[in-house]
Structure formats: C-alpha cells, structure tokens
Amino acid sequence: MEGWDPQRIVVGVDGSEQSIHATRVAASIARARSAHLLILAVVRPPEGWWGIVGSPPTAEALGDSLSNAQREVLDRTVEVVDLDGIDYETAEDIGEPSQRLIEACSDADLLVVGRRGAGFLRRMVVGSVATHVVHEAPCPVLIVP
C-alpha cells in the first residue's frame, strides 16, 4: 500500500498454530518496514475453572496460574518465530481479550490476529475475538487464516 508505513505492529497470541502463523506474518511485515512489534498474550480469567465442587482459588493462585500460562505462550512463540533483527517486545494482560487488544492498539498502525485459536485456549485467549477487533480496533486489522 503506497504511503502506508506501519511503525508499530501488535500481534495477539494464544499458543495456537494460527497465532504462531499470525506472528510470523507480523514479524515479516515488521522486518520489511523496520517496525516495532508487540507480541501480546491476553487471557480472560475463566469462570468456574476450579470445578463444581471445588472452592475458588485465591487471587494470588489464579494470578500465578494465568501468568504462567501467558508466559508459556509467549516463550513458545518467541522460540518458534524468527525474530532476529526485529525490534520487539512481549507483554501479558488479563481481561477480555478483544478489549485488551483494542486498547493495546491505541498508538499502533496494524493489529494482526489469527482467525481462530485452538481448544481450551481458544475460549480463554484471542481466537474468537477476531470478528470483534475488526469492527472496533483504531487501526487496520490483518486476520491471518
């Protein structure tokens, strides 16, 4: 696109193969444009994840569990995607994924997400929010199949 020069790209990751592919696409664009890449894992706190007969976890236990899950997703993504020569950072957030991704794009030039996530993480993280961010993001959105 002539005249379009993205300098800040956000990619939402959830550990699925689709989000890995989306990160590869985002990294390719960032490399070609010398843009900064933010790799963001957003987890929605699950309702009732402790089961019907269990008791709710402490806030600390829930926070630790979600943070560990996010860190695993980010570590795996950074491990399998070629990020050499790219100015990038990783970040974790907890909340409603589409809203957190939209907020992270307040000064971004492009948001990249996979079309859908995988399994349990699909419900917790990015996958199902692609449609929502397309309509609400303050920047162009690239949905990667």
N, C-alpha and C. Protein backbone atom coordinates (compact mmCIF):
# COMPACT_ATOMS: atom_id res chain seq x y z
N MET A 1 0.85 -1.18 0.00
CA MET A 1 0.00 0.00 0.00
C MET A 1 0.90 1.23 0.00
N GLU A 2 0.83 2.03 -1.05
CA GLU A 2 1.66 3.21 -1.15
C GLU A 2 1.29 4.22 -0.06
N GLY A 3 2.32 4.76 0.58
CA GLY A 3 2.10 5.74 1.62
C GLY A 3 1.85 5.16 3.00
N TRP A 4 1.62 3.86 3.07
CA TRP A 4 1.38 3.23 4.37
C TRP A 4 2.70 2.73 4.91
N ASP A 5 3.10 3.21 6.05
CA ASP A 5 4.39 2.84 6.62
C ASP A 5 4.20 2.50 8.10
N PRO A 6 3.72 1.29 8.39
CA PRO A 6 3.47 0.93 9.79
C PRO A 6 4.76 0.92 10.60
N GLN A 7 4.74 1.60 11.72
CA GLN A 7 5.90 1.64 12.59
C GLN A 7 5.68 0.90 13.91
N ARG A 8 4.43 0.60 14.24
CA ARG A 8 4.12 -0.16 15.45
C ARG A 8 3.04 -1.18 15.11
N ILE A 9 3.41 -2.45 15.29
CA ILE A 9 2.52 -3.56 14.97
C ILE A 9 2.25 -4.35 16.24
N VAL A 10 0.99 -4.68 16.46
CA VAL A 10 0.59 -5.51 17.60
C VAL A 10 0.09 -6.84 17.05
N VAL A 11 0.54 -7.94 17.65
CA VAL A 11 0.02 -9.25 17.28
C VAL A 11 -0.48 -9.95 18.54
N GLY A 12 -1.70 -10.47 18.47
CA GLY A 12 -2.28 -11.20 19.59
C GLY A 12 -1.96 -12.68 19.46
N VAL A 13 -1.49 -13.28 20.54
CA VAL A 13 -1.11 -14.69 20.51
C VAL A 13 -1.84 -15.48 21.58
N ASP A 14 -2.10 -16.77 21.26
CA ASP A 14 -2.77 -17.64 22.23
C ASP A 14 -2.15 -19.03 22.28
N GLY A 15 -1.03 -19.23 21.60
CA GLY A 15 -0.36 -20.52 21.61
C GLY A 15 -0.80 -21.46 20.51
N SER A 16 -1.87 -21.12 19.79
CA SER A 16 -2.35 -21.97 18.70
C SER A 16 -1.42 -21.84 17.50
N GLU A 17 -1.51 -22.81 16.60
CA GLU A 17 -0.73 -22.73 15.36
C GLU A 17 -1.14 -21.51 14.55
N GLN A 18 -2.41 -21.14 14.61
CA GLN A 18 -2.86 -19.95 13.88
C GLN A 18 -2.21 -18.69 14.42
N SER A 19 -2.07 -18.60 15.74
CA SER A 19 -1.44 -17.40 16.29
C SER A 19 0.07 -17.39 16.02
N ILE A 20 0.68 -18.56 15.95
CA ILE A 20 2.10 -18.65 15.58
C ILE A 20 2.26 -18.15 14.14
N HIS A 21 1.38 -18.61 13.26
CA HIS A 21 1.43 -18.17 11.87
C HIS A 21 1.19 -16.66 11.78
N ALA A 22 0.23 -16.15 12.54
CA ALA A 22 -0.04 -14.71 12.55
C ALA A 22 1.20 -13.94 13.01
N THR A 23 1.91 -14.49 13.99
CA THR A 23 3.13 -13.83 14.48
C THR A 23 4.21 -13.83 13.40
N ARG A 24 4.31 -14.93 12.66
CA ARG A 24 5.28 -14.97 11.55
C ARG A 24 4.96 -13.90 10.51
N VAL A 25 3.69 -13.74 10.19
CA VAL A 25 3.28 -12.72 9.23
C VAL A 25 3.59 -11.32 9.79
N ALA A 26 3.24 -11.09 11.04
CA ALA A 26 3.51 -9.79 11.67
C ALA A 26 5.01 -9.50 11.71
N ALA A 27 5.80 -10.53 12.01
CA ALA A 27 7.26 -10.36 12.06
C ALA A 27 7.81 -10.02 10.68
N SER A 28 7.25 -10.64 9.66
CA SER A 28 7.69 -10.37 8.30
C SER A 28 7.42 -8.91 7.92
N ILE A 29 6.25 -8.42 8.27
CA ILE A 29 5.91 -7.03 8.00
C ILE A 29 6.81 -6.10 8.81
N ALA A 30 7.00 -6.43 10.08
CA ALA A 30 7.86 -5.60 10.94
C ALA A 30 9.29 -5.54 10.40
N ARG A 31 9.79 -6.67 9.96
CA ARG A 31 11.15 -6.72 9.41
C ARG A 31 11.24 -5.87 8.14
N ALA A 32 10.27 -6.00 7.24
CA ALA A 32 10.29 -5.27 5.98
C ALA A 32 10.16 -3.76 6.18
N ARG A 33 9.46 -3.36 7.21
CA ARG A 33 9.19 -1.94 7.46
C ARG A 33 10.02 -1.34 8.60
N SER A 34 10.92 -2.16 9.19
CA SER A 34 11.70 -1.72 10.37
C SER A 34 10.78 -1.20 11.46
N ALA A 35 9.68 -1.91 11.66
CA ALA A 35 8.68 -1.51 12.64
C ALA A 35 8.89 -2.21 13.97
N HIS A 36 8.36 -1.64 15.03
CA HIS A 36 8.36 -2.25 16.35
C HIS A 36 7.21 -3.25 16.43
N LEU A 37 7.46 -4.42 17.00
CA LEU A 37 6.45 -5.47 17.11
C LEU A 37 6.17 -5.75 18.57
N LEU A 38 4.90 -5.65 18.94
CA LEU A 38 4.44 -6.03 20.28
C LEU A 38 3.71 -7.35 20.16
N ILE A 39 4.21 -8.37 20.85
CA ILE A 39 3.59 -9.69 20.88
C ILE A 39 2.83 -9.78 22.19
N LEU A 40 1.51 -9.83 22.11
CA LEU A 40 0.67 -9.70 23.30
C LEU A 40 -0.18 -10.95 23.54
N ALA A 41 -0.06 -11.50 24.74
CA ALA A 41 -0.91 -12.62 25.16
C ALA A 41 -1.92 -12.09 26.17
N VAL A 42 -3.19 -12.25 25.85
CA VAL A 42 -4.27 -11.80 26.73
C VAL A 42 -5.07 -13.00 27.17
N VAL A 43 -5.25 -13.14 28.45
CA VAL A 43 -6.02 -14.26 28.98
C VAL A 43 -7.23 -13.73 29.73
N ARG A 44 -8.38 -14.30 29.41
CA ARG A 44 -9.62 -13.98 30.13
C ARG A 44 -9.68 -14.91 31.33
N PRO A 45 -9.82 -14.38 32.55
CA PRO A 45 -9.94 -15.27 33.70
C PRO A 45 -11.15 -16.18 33.51
N PRO A 46 -10.95 -17.48 33.53
CA PRO A 46 -12.06 -18.41 33.31
C PRO A 46 -13.02 -18.41 34.49
N GLU A 47 -14.29 -18.53 34.15
CA GLU A 47 -15.31 -18.62 35.20
C GLU A 47 -15.46 -20.09 35.60
N GLY A 48 -15.36 -20.37 36.87
CA GLY A 48 -15.60 -21.71 37.37
C GLY A 48 -14.57 -22.74 36.96
N TRP A 49 -13.35 -22.32 36.64
CA TRP A 49 -12.36 -23.28 36.18
C TRP A 49 -11.94 -24.26 37.25
N TRP A 50 -12.30 -24.01 38.50
CA TRP A 50 -11.90 -24.90 39.57
C TRP A 50 -12.88 -26.05 39.76
N GLY A 51 -13.97 -26.05 39.02
CA GLY A 51 -14.91 -27.17 39.07
C GLY A 51 -16.12 -26.87 39.93
N ILE A 52 -17.09 -27.73 39.84
CA ILE A 52 -18.36 -27.53 40.52
C ILE A 52 -18.23 -27.69 42.02
N VAL A 53 -17.50 -28.69 42.47
CA VAL A 53 -17.44 -28.95 43.90
C VAL A 53 -16.24 -28.30 44.57
N GLY A 54 -15.36 -27.71 43.80
CA GLY A 54 -14.17 -27.08 44.38
C GLY A 54 -14.49 -25.71 44.92
N SER A 55 -13.50 -25.14 45.56
CA SER A 55 -13.67 -23.76 46.03
C SER A 55 -12.83 -22.86 45.14
N PRO A 56 -13.21 -21.60 45.05
CA PRO A 56 -12.47 -20.67 44.19
C PRO A 56 -11.01 -20.57 44.64
N PRO A 57 -10.10 -20.41 43.70
CA PRO A 57 -8.70 -20.23 44.06
C PRO A 57 -8.51 -18.85 44.68
N THR A 58 -7.43 -18.70 45.41
CA THR A 58 -7.11 -17.38 45.92
C THR A 58 -6.75 -16.49 44.74
N ALA A 59 -6.83 -15.20 44.93
CA ALA A 59 -6.47 -14.26 43.86
C ALA A 59 -5.02 -14.48 43.44
N GLU A 60 -4.17 -14.76 44.40
CA GLU A 60 -2.75 -14.99 44.09
C GLU A 60 -2.57 -16.26 43.25
N ALA A 61 -3.26 -17.35 43.62
CA ALA A 61 -3.15 -18.61 42.87
C ALA A 61 -3.68 -18.44 41.45
N LEU A 62 -4.80 -17.74 41.30
CA LEU A 62 -5.37 -17.51 39.97
C LEU A 62 -4.40 -16.67 39.14
N GLY A 63 -3.89 -15.60 39.74
CA GLY A 63 -2.95 -14.73 39.03
C GLY A 63 -1.71 -15.47 38.60
N ASP A 64 -1.16 -16.30 39.48
CA ASP A 64 0.03 -17.09 39.15
C ASP A 64 -0.26 -18.07 38.01
N SER A 65 -1.41 -18.72 38.07
CA SER A 65 -1.78 -19.69 37.04
C SER A 65 -1.91 -19.02 35.68
N LEU A 66 -2.60 -17.88 35.62
CA LEU A 66 -2.79 -17.17 34.36
C LEU A 66 -1.46 -16.62 33.84
N SER A 67 -0.65 -16.09 34.74
CA SER A 67 0.64 -15.55 34.33
C SER A 67 1.54 -16.65 33.77
N ASN A 68 1.53 -17.82 34.40
CA ASN A 68 2.33 -18.94 33.90
C ASN A 68 1.86 -19.37 32.52
N ALA A 69 0.55 -19.41 32.32
CA ALA A 69 0.01 -19.80 31.01
C ALA A 69 0.42 -18.79 29.94
N GLN A 70 0.34 -17.52 30.26
CA GLN A 70 0.73 -16.48 29.32
C GLN A 70 2.21 -16.58 28.99
N ARG A 71 3.02 -16.76 30.01
CA ARG A 71 4.47 -16.84 29.81
C ARG A 71 4.82 -18.02 28.91
N GLU A 72 4.15 -19.16 29.10
CA GLU A 72 4.39 -20.33 28.24
C GLU A 72 4.04 -20.01 26.80
N VAL A 73 2.92 -19.34 26.57
CA VAL A 73 2.50 -18.97 25.22
C VAL A 73 3.53 -18.04 24.60
N LEU A 74 3.95 -17.02 25.34
CA LEU A 74 4.92 -16.06 24.81
C LEU A 74 6.27 -16.72 24.56
N ASP A 75 6.74 -17.55 25.51
CA ASP A 75 8.02 -18.22 25.34
C ASP A 75 8.02 -19.11 24.11
N ARG A 76 6.95 -19.87 23.92
CA ARG A 76 6.86 -20.75 22.75
C ARG A 76 6.85 -19.94 21.46
N THR A 77 6.10 -18.87 21.45
CA THR A 77 6.01 -18.03 20.26
C THR A 77 7.38 -17.47 19.89
N VAL A 78 8.08 -16.91 20.86
CA VAL A 78 9.40 -16.33 20.62
C VAL A 78 10.40 -17.42 20.19
N GLU A 79 10.21 -18.61 20.71
CA GLU A 79 11.11 -19.72 20.38
C GLU A 79 10.95 -20.19 18.93
N VAL A 80 9.73 -20.23 18.42
CA VAL A 80 9.50 -20.82 17.10
C VAL A 80 9.39 -19.80 15.96
N VAL A 81 9.29 -18.52 16.27
CA VAL A 81 9.20 -17.49 15.24
C VAL A 81 10.55 -16.79 15.12
N ASP A 82 11.03 -16.62 13.89
CA ASP A 82 12.30 -15.93 13.66
C ASP A 82 12.10 -14.43 13.89
N LEU A 83 12.67 -13.95 14.98
CA LEU A 83 12.55 -12.54 15.33
C LEU A 83 13.89 -11.80 15.24
N ASP A 84 14.89 -12.47 14.66
CA ASP A 84 16.20 -11.84 14.52
C ASP A 84 16.09 -10.55 13.72
N GLY A 85 16.71 -9.50 14.24
CA GLY A 85 16.73 -8.22 13.54
C GLY A 85 15.47 -7.41 13.69
N ILE A 86 14.54 -7.87 14.52
CA ILE A 86 13.28 -7.14 14.71
C ILE A 86 13.27 -6.52 16.10
N ASP A 87 12.86 -5.26 16.17
CA ASP A 87 12.66 -4.59 17.44
C ASP A 87 11.31 -5.06 17.98
N TYR A 88 11.34 -5.93 19.00
CA TYR A 88 10.08 -6.48 19.50
C TYR A 88 10.09 -6.52 21.03
N GLU A 89 8.88 -6.66 21.56
CA GLU A 89 8.69 -6.87 22.99
C GLU A 89 7.51 -7.81 23.17
N THR A 90 7.48 -8.47 24.32
CA THR A 90 6.34 -9.31 24.65
C THR A 90 5.63 -8.69 25.85
N ALA A 91 4.33 -8.94 25.92
CA ALA A 91 3.56 -8.41 27.04
C ALA A 91 2.43 -9.37 27.37
N GLU A 92 2.02 -9.35 28.62
CA GLU A 92 0.93 -10.18 29.12
C GLU A 92 -0.16 -9.26 29.65
N ASP A 93 -1.40 -9.69 29.47
CA ASP A 93 -2.51 -8.93 30.02
C ASP A 93 -3.61 -9.91 30.41
N ILE A 94 -4.42 -9.52 31.37
CA ILE A 94 -5.54 -10.33 31.81
C ILE A 94 -6.80 -9.48 31.63
N GLY A 95 -7.81 -10.08 31.03
CA GLY A 95 -9.06 -9.36 30.83
C GLY A 95 -9.78 -9.90 29.62
N GLU A 96 -10.72 -9.12 29.12
CA GLU A 96 -11.48 -9.52 27.94
C GLU A 96 -10.56 -9.32 26.74
N PRO A 97 -10.20 -10.39 26.03
CA PRO A 97 -9.16 -10.30 25.00
C PRO A 97 -9.39 -9.25 23.93
N SER A 98 -10.58 -9.18 23.34
CA SER A 98 -10.76 -8.21 22.27
C SER A 98 -10.57 -6.79 22.78
N GLN A 99 -11.08 -6.50 23.97
CA GLN A 99 -10.95 -5.16 24.52
C GLN A 99 -9.49 -4.82 24.83
N ARG A 100 -8.76 -5.77 25.40
CA ARG A 100 -7.35 -5.52 25.72
C ARG A 100 -6.51 -5.34 24.46
N LEU A 101 -6.80 -6.10 23.41
CA LEU A 101 -6.09 -5.93 22.14
C LEU A 101 -6.39 -4.56 21.54
N ILE A 102 -7.65 -4.16 21.58
CA ILE A 102 -8.04 -2.85 21.06
C ILE A 102 -7.31 -1.75 21.82
N GLU A 103 -7.26 -1.86 23.14
CA GLU A 103 -6.57 -0.86 23.95
C GLU A 103 -5.07 -0.82 23.63
N ALA A 104 -4.48 -1.98 23.37
CA ALA A 104 -3.05 -2.05 23.05
C ALA A 104 -2.75 -1.39 21.70
N CYS A 105 -3.77 -1.20 20.90
CA CYS A 105 -3.61 -0.62 19.56
C CYS A 105 -3.84 0.88 19.53
N SER A 106 -3.94 1.52 20.68
CA SER A 106 -4.25 2.95 20.69
C SER A 106 -3.24 3.77 19.89
N ASP A 107 -1.99 3.33 19.83
CA ASP A 107 -0.99 4.04 19.03
C ASP A 107 -0.33 3.10 18.01
N ALA A 108 -1.03 2.04 17.65
CA ALA A 108 -0.49 1.08 16.68
C ALA A 108 -0.94 1.42 15.27
N ASP A 109 -0.18 0.92 14.31
CA ASP A 109 -0.51 1.11 12.90
C ASP A 109 -1.16 -0.13 12.30
N LEU A 110 -1.04 -1.27 13.01
CA LEU A 110 -1.59 -2.52 12.49
C LEU A 110 -1.78 -3.50 13.65
N LEU A 111 -2.90 -4.20 13.63
CA LEU A 111 -3.16 -5.31 14.55
C LEU A 111 -3.25 -6.58 13.72
N VAL A 112 -2.52 -7.62 14.14
CA VAL A 112 -2.53 -8.89 13.44
C VAL A 112 -3.03 -9.96 14.41
N VAL A 113 -4.02 -10.74 13.98
CA VAL A 113 -4.53 -11.85 14.79
C VAL A 113 -4.82 -13.03 13.88
N GLY A 114 -4.78 -14.22 14.46
CA GLY A 114 -5.20 -15.41 13.74
C GLY A 114 -6.71 -15.46 13.68
N ARG A 115 -7.21 -16.19 12.70
CA ARG A 115 -8.67 -16.27 12.53
C ARG A 115 -9.34 -16.97 13.70
N ARG A 116 -8.68 -17.96 14.26
CA ARG A 116 -9.25 -18.66 15.42
C ARG A 116 -8.12 -19.29 16.21
N GLY A 117 -8.41 -19.56 17.47
CA GLY A 117 -7.44 -20.20 18.34
C GLY A 117 -7.64 -21.70 18.36
N ALA A 118 -7.20 -22.33 19.43
CA ALA A 118 -7.30 -23.79 19.50
C ALA A 118 -7.77 -24.23 20.87
N GLY A 119 -8.74 -25.14 20.90
CA GLY A 119 -9.17 -25.81 22.12
C GLY A 119 -9.49 -24.88 23.28
N PHE A 120 -9.02 -25.27 24.46
CA PHE A 120 -9.27 -24.53 25.68
C PHE A 120 -8.76 -23.10 25.58
N LEU A 121 -7.56 -22.94 25.03
CA LEU A 121 -7.01 -21.60 24.90
C LEU A 121 -7.86 -20.73 23.98
N ARG A 122 -8.54 -21.34 23.03
CA ARG A 122 -9.41 -20.57 22.14
C ARG A 122 -10.45 -19.82 22.94
N ARG A 123 -11.00 -20.46 23.92
CA ARG A 123 -12.02 -19.81 24.74
C ARG A 123 -11.42 -18.78 25.67
N MET A 124 -10.17 -18.97 26.08
CA MET A 124 -9.55 -18.09 27.05
C MET A 124 -8.83 -16.90 26.43
N VAL A 125 -8.33 -17.04 25.24
CA VAL A 125 -7.42 -16.03 24.73
C VAL A 125 -7.97 -15.34 23.48
N VAL A 126 -7.21 -15.32 22.42
CA VAL A 126 -7.51 -14.45 21.30
C VAL A 126 -8.53 -15.01 20.33
N GLY A 127 -8.35 -16.24 19.84
CA GLY A 127 -9.05 -16.81 18.71
C GLY A 127 -10.41 -16.26 18.36
N SER A 128 -11.37 -16.34 19.25
CA SER A 128 -12.74 -15.98 18.91
C SER A 128 -12.99 -14.48 18.87
N VAL A 129 -12.02 -13.66 19.12
CA VAL A 129 -12.24 -12.22 19.15
C VAL A 129 -11.93 -11.52 17.83
N ALA A 130 -11.48 -12.28 16.83
CA ALA A 130 -11.08 -11.66 15.56
C ALA A 130 -12.19 -10.78 14.98
N THR A 131 -13.41 -11.28 14.98
CA THR A 131 -14.51 -10.52 14.41
C THR A 131 -14.72 -9.21 15.16
N HIS A 132 -14.63 -9.25 16.47
CA HIS A 132 -14.85 -8.04 17.27
C HIS A 132 -13.77 -6.99 17.01
N VAL A 133 -12.51 -7.39 16.97
CA VAL A 133 -11.45 -6.39 16.78
C VAL A 133 -11.50 -5.77 15.39
N VAL A 134 -11.97 -6.52 14.40
CA VAL A 134 -12.10 -5.95 13.05
C VAL A 134 -13.00 -4.73 13.08
N HIS A 135 -14.06 -4.77 13.87
CA HIS A 135 -15.03 -3.68 13.91
C HIS A 135 -14.66 -2.56 14.86
N GLU A 136 -13.81 -2.84 15.85
CA GLU A 136 -13.56 -1.86 16.90
C GLU A 136 -12.14 -1.31 16.98
N ALA A 137 -11.17 -1.96 16.38
CA ALA A 137 -9.78 -1.53 16.51
C ALA A 137 -9.59 -0.16 15.86
N PRO A 138 -8.73 0.67 16.46
CA PRO A 138 -8.49 2.01 15.92
C PRO A 138 -7.46 2.03 14.78
N CYS A 139 -7.06 0.86 14.31
CA CYS A 139 -6.06 0.75 13.25
C CYS A 139 -6.48 -0.38 12.31
N PRO A 140 -5.82 -0.51 11.16
CA PRO A 140 -6.12 -1.64 10.29
C PRO A 140 -5.86 -2.96 11.01
N VAL A 141 -6.66 -3.98 10.66
CA VAL A 141 -6.55 -5.31 11.26
C VAL A 141 -6.30 -6.31 10.15
N LEU A 142 -5.29 -7.15 10.36
CA LEU A 142 -5.00 -8.23 9.43
C LEU A 142 -5.37 -9.54 10.10
N ILE A 143 -6.34 -10.25 9.54
CA ILE A 143 -6.76 -11.55 10.05
C ILE A 143 -6.01 -12.60 9.22
N VAL A 144 -5.20 -13.41 9.89
CA VAL A 144 -4.39 -14.41 9.20
C VAL A 144 -5.06 -15.77 9.32
N PRO A 145 -5.35 -16.41 8.18
CA PRO A 145 -6.01 -17.73 8.25
C PRO A 145 -5.05 -18.82 8.73
